[in-house]
Amino acid sequence: MNNRVLTAHNVAVGKNSKQTDTANGRAAAFGNDGNMSTCTETTSSDASWEVDLGGVFQIESVIVRGDGTYCLVLKFAF
């Protein structure tokens, strides 16, 4: 049996990220810089954003936040 205690942390912070396009200088890296006051922005209505975690991790939840004007706050639990 595995008795390790795991501490939750954001494994995406500072990792390589990309998006389909960029608007207003808000590049993909702003989406996972760990700063809650920055965000990404695209010009496409069907844009995508992704982050390469650089390894295999057991993910318990994913939270996607928006600025409240144009974006939704999405929360996924696994």
N, C-alpha and C. Protein backbone atom coordinates (compact mmCIF):
# COMPACT_ATOMS: atom_id res chain seq x y z
N MET A 1 0.85 -1.18 0.00
CA MET A 1 0.00 0.00 0.00
C MET A 1 0.89 1.24 0.00
N ASN A 2 0.45 2.26 -0.72
CA ASN A 2 1.20 3.50 -0.83
C ASN A 2 0.70 4.48 0.23
N ASN A 3 1.55 4.85 1.17
CA ASN A 3 1.17 5.76 2.24
C ASN A 3 1.72 7.16 2.06
N ARG A 4 2.13 7.51 0.84
CA ARG A 4 2.68 8.84 0.60
C ARG A 4 1.60 9.91 0.75
N VAL A 5 1.98 11.04 1.28
CA VAL A 5 1.09 12.19 1.35
C VAL A 5 1.48 13.14 0.23
N LEU A 6 0.55 13.44 -0.63
CA LEU A 6 0.82 14.32 -1.76
C LEU A 6 0.28 15.71 -1.49
N THR A 7 1.05 16.70 -1.82
CA THR A 7 0.61 18.08 -1.69
C THR A 7 0.20 18.58 -3.06
N ALA A 8 -0.98 19.10 -3.17
CA ALA A 8 -1.48 19.61 -4.44
C ALA A 8 -0.73 20.87 -4.83
N HIS A 9 -0.37 20.95 -6.09
CA HIS A 9 0.24 22.15 -6.62
C HIS A 9 -0.04 22.24 -8.12
N ASN A 10 0.17 23.39 -8.67
CA ASN A 10 -0.10 23.65 -10.07
C ASN A 10 1.10 23.18 -10.89
N VAL A 11 0.98 22.05 -11.56
CA VAL A 11 2.08 21.51 -12.33
C VAL A 11 2.26 22.23 -13.67
N ALA A 12 1.35 23.11 -14.05
CA ALA A 12 1.42 23.81 -15.32
C ALA A 12 2.22 25.11 -15.26
N VAL A 13 2.45 25.64 -14.08
CA VAL A 13 3.12 26.94 -13.96
C VAL A 13 4.50 26.90 -14.61
N GLY A 14 4.71 27.85 -15.53
CA GLY A 14 5.99 28.00 -16.19
C GLY A 14 6.31 27.01 -17.30
N LYS A 15 5.40 26.09 -17.57
CA LYS A 15 5.64 25.11 -18.62
C LYS A 15 5.34 25.72 -19.99
N ASN A 16 5.82 25.08 -21.05
CA ASN A 16 5.60 25.56 -22.41
C ASN A 16 4.12 25.49 -22.76
N SER A 17 3.58 26.58 -23.28
CA SER A 17 2.18 26.62 -23.70
C SER A 17 2.08 27.29 -25.05
N LYS A 18 0.96 27.03 -25.72
CA LYS A 18 0.72 27.66 -27.02
C LYS A 18 -0.77 27.83 -27.23
N GLN A 19 -1.10 28.76 -28.13
CA GLN A 19 -2.50 29.01 -28.49
C GLN A 19 -2.57 29.29 -29.98
N THR A 20 -3.77 29.23 -30.53
CA THR A 20 -3.95 29.36 -31.98
C THR A 20 -3.51 30.71 -32.51
N ASP A 21 -3.75 31.77 -31.77
CA ASP A 21 -3.34 33.12 -32.17
C ASP A 21 -3.32 34.00 -30.93
N THR A 22 -2.83 35.21 -31.06
CA THR A 22 -2.69 36.10 -29.90
C THR A 22 -3.29 37.47 -30.20
N ALA A 23 -4.02 38.01 -29.26
CA ALA A 23 -4.57 39.36 -29.37
C ALA A 23 -4.05 40.22 -28.23
N ASN A 24 -3.83 41.48 -28.51
CA ASN A 24 -3.46 42.48 -27.51
C ASN A 24 -2.23 42.10 -26.69
N GLY A 25 -1.31 41.34 -27.29
CA GLY A 25 -0.07 40.98 -26.62
C GLY A 25 -0.21 39.97 -25.50
N ARG A 26 -1.39 39.39 -25.35
CA ARG A 26 -1.63 38.42 -24.27
C ARG A 26 -1.34 37.01 -24.77
N ALA A 27 -0.06 36.68 -24.74
CA ALA A 27 0.44 35.40 -25.28
C ALA A 27 0.05 34.22 -24.41
N ALA A 28 0.24 33.03 -24.95
CA ALA A 28 -0.14 31.79 -24.27
C ALA A 28 0.51 31.65 -22.90
N ALA A 29 1.74 32.10 -22.75
CA ALA A 29 2.46 31.96 -21.47
C ALA A 29 1.76 32.67 -20.32
N PHE A 30 0.94 33.65 -20.61
CA PHE A 30 0.19 34.34 -19.54
C PHE A 30 -0.88 33.43 -18.93
N GLY A 31 -1.25 32.36 -19.62
CA GLY A 31 -2.27 31.46 -19.13
C GLY A 31 -1.79 30.51 -18.04
N ASN A 32 -0.49 30.37 -17.90
CA ASN A 32 0.04 29.46 -16.89
C ASN A 32 1.30 30.04 -16.23
N ASP A 33 1.28 31.35 -16.01
CA ASP A 33 2.42 32.00 -15.35
C ASP A 33 2.27 32.06 -13.83
N GLY A 34 1.13 31.58 -13.32
CA GLY A 34 0.91 31.58 -11.88
C GLY A 34 0.39 32.90 -11.33
N ASN A 35 0.24 33.89 -12.19
CA ASN A 35 -0.24 35.21 -11.79
C ASN A 35 -1.72 35.32 -12.12
N MET A 36 -2.57 35.42 -11.12
CA MET A 36 -4.01 35.46 -11.34
C MET A 36 -4.48 36.76 -11.99
N SER A 37 -3.61 37.76 -12.11
CA SER A 37 -4.02 39.02 -12.73
C SER A 37 -3.66 39.08 -14.21
N THR A 38 -3.03 38.03 -14.75
CA THR A 38 -2.73 38.00 -16.18
C THR A 38 -3.59 36.95 -16.86
N CYS A 39 -3.77 37.09 -18.17
CA CYS A 39 -4.55 36.11 -18.91
C CYS A 39 -4.15 36.13 -20.38
N THR A 40 -4.53 35.11 -21.09
CA THR A 40 -4.28 35.05 -22.53
C THR A 40 -5.46 35.68 -23.25
N GLU A 41 -5.25 35.98 -24.52
CA GLU A 41 -6.35 36.49 -25.34
C GLU A 41 -6.08 36.11 -26.78
N THR A 42 -7.14 35.69 -27.47
CA THR A 42 -7.03 35.33 -28.88
C THR A 42 -8.03 36.13 -29.69
N THR A 43 -7.85 36.10 -31.01
CA THR A 43 -8.80 36.77 -31.89
C THR A 43 -9.86 35.81 -32.42
N SER A 44 -9.61 34.52 -32.34
CA SER A 44 -10.49 33.51 -32.90
C SER A 44 -11.65 33.17 -31.97
N SER A 45 -12.80 32.93 -32.55
CA SER A 45 -13.94 32.50 -31.74
C SER A 45 -13.83 31.01 -31.42
N ASP A 46 -13.02 30.29 -32.18
CA ASP A 46 -12.83 28.86 -31.93
C ASP A 46 -11.37 28.56 -31.57
N ALA A 47 -10.77 29.43 -30.80
CA ALA A 47 -9.36 29.32 -30.42
C ALA A 47 -9.12 28.14 -29.49
N SER A 48 -7.86 27.72 -29.46
CA SER A 48 -7.46 26.68 -28.52
C SER A 48 -6.18 27.11 -27.81
N TRP A 49 -6.00 26.58 -26.62
CA TRP A 49 -4.80 26.83 -25.81
C TRP A 49 -4.38 25.50 -25.22
N GLU A 50 -3.08 25.25 -25.16
CA GLU A 50 -2.61 24.00 -24.55
C GLU A 50 -1.29 24.24 -23.84
N VAL A 51 -1.04 23.37 -22.87
CA VAL A 51 0.20 23.42 -22.11
C VAL A 51 0.84 22.03 -22.09
N ASP A 52 2.15 21.99 -22.28
CA ASP A 52 2.91 20.75 -22.21
C ASP A 52 3.45 20.63 -20.79
N LEU A 53 2.95 19.70 -20.02
CA LEU A 53 3.36 19.55 -18.63
C LEU A 53 4.77 18.96 -18.51
N GLY A 54 5.31 18.43 -19.58
CA GLY A 54 6.67 17.93 -19.57
C GLY A 54 6.85 16.61 -18.86
N GLY A 55 5.78 15.92 -18.60
CA GLY A 55 5.87 14.64 -17.91
C GLY A 55 4.49 14.07 -17.70
N VAL A 56 4.44 12.97 -16.98
CA VAL A 56 3.18 12.31 -16.67
C VAL A 56 2.83 12.62 -15.22
N PHE A 57 1.63 13.11 -15.01
CA PHE A 57 1.18 13.49 -13.68
C PHE A 57 -0.21 12.92 -13.43
N GLN A 58 -0.52 12.64 -12.18
CA GLN A 58 -1.89 12.28 -11.82
C GLN A 58 -2.62 13.59 -11.57
N ILE A 59 -3.54 13.92 -12.45
CA ILE A 59 -4.28 15.18 -12.37
C ILE A 59 -5.59 14.95 -11.64
N GLU A 60 -5.81 15.71 -10.59
CA GLU A 60 -7.04 15.59 -9.81
C GLU A 60 -8.08 16.61 -10.22
N SER A 61 -7.65 17.78 -10.69
CA SER A 61 -8.61 18.78 -11.15
C SER A 61 -7.92 19.76 -12.09
N VAL A 62 -8.73 20.38 -12.93
CA VAL A 62 -8.28 21.42 -13.84
C VAL A 62 -9.22 22.60 -13.66
N ILE A 63 -8.67 23.78 -13.46
CA ILE A 63 -9.49 24.98 -13.32
C ILE A 63 -9.10 25.96 -14.41
N VAL A 64 -10.07 26.40 -15.19
CA VAL A 64 -9.86 27.40 -16.23
C VAL A 64 -10.63 28.63 -15.81
N ARG A 65 -9.92 29.73 -15.67
CA ARG A 65 -10.55 30.97 -15.21
C ARG A 65 -10.56 32.00 -16.32
N GLY A 66 -11.54 32.84 -16.30
CA GLY A 66 -11.62 33.96 -17.24
C GLY A 66 -11.69 35.25 -16.48
N ASP A 67 -11.70 36.35 -17.23
CA ASP A 67 -11.75 37.66 -16.58
C ASP A 67 -13.17 38.06 -16.20
N GLY A 68 -14.13 37.21 -16.51
CA GLY A 68 -15.52 37.49 -16.14
C GLY A 68 -16.27 38.28 -17.20
N THR A 69 -15.56 38.86 -18.15
CA THR A 69 -16.20 39.64 -19.19
C THR A 69 -16.57 38.76 -20.38
N TYR A 70 -15.59 38.03 -20.88
CA TYR A 70 -15.81 37.21 -22.07
C TYR A 70 -15.62 35.72 -21.81
N CYS A 71 -15.11 35.36 -20.66
CA CYS A 71 -14.73 33.98 -20.43
C CYS A 71 -15.56 33.33 -19.32
N LEU A 72 -15.63 32.03 -19.37
CA LEU A 72 -16.29 31.26 -18.32
C LEU A 72 -15.24 30.71 -17.37
N VAL A 73 -15.64 30.43 -16.18
CA VAL A 73 -14.78 29.72 -15.24
C VAL A 73 -15.20 28.27 -15.28
N LEU A 74 -14.30 27.40 -15.70
CA LEU A 74 -14.59 25.99 -15.82
C LEU A 74 -13.79 25.21 -14.79
N LYS A 75 -14.40 24.22 -14.19
CA LYS A 75 -13.73 23.40 -13.20
C LYS A 75 -14.01 21.94 -13.50
N PHE A 76 -12.94 21.18 -13.63
CA PHE A 76 -13.06 19.75 -13.94
C PHE A 76 -12.43 18.96 -12.80
N ALA A 77 -13.10 17.96 -12.34
CA ALA A 77 -12.55 17.07 -11.32
C ALA A 77 -12.45 15.67 -11.91
N PHE A 78 -11.37 14.99 -11.62
CA PHE A 78 -11.14 13.66 -12.18
C PHE A 78 -11.18 12.62 -11.09
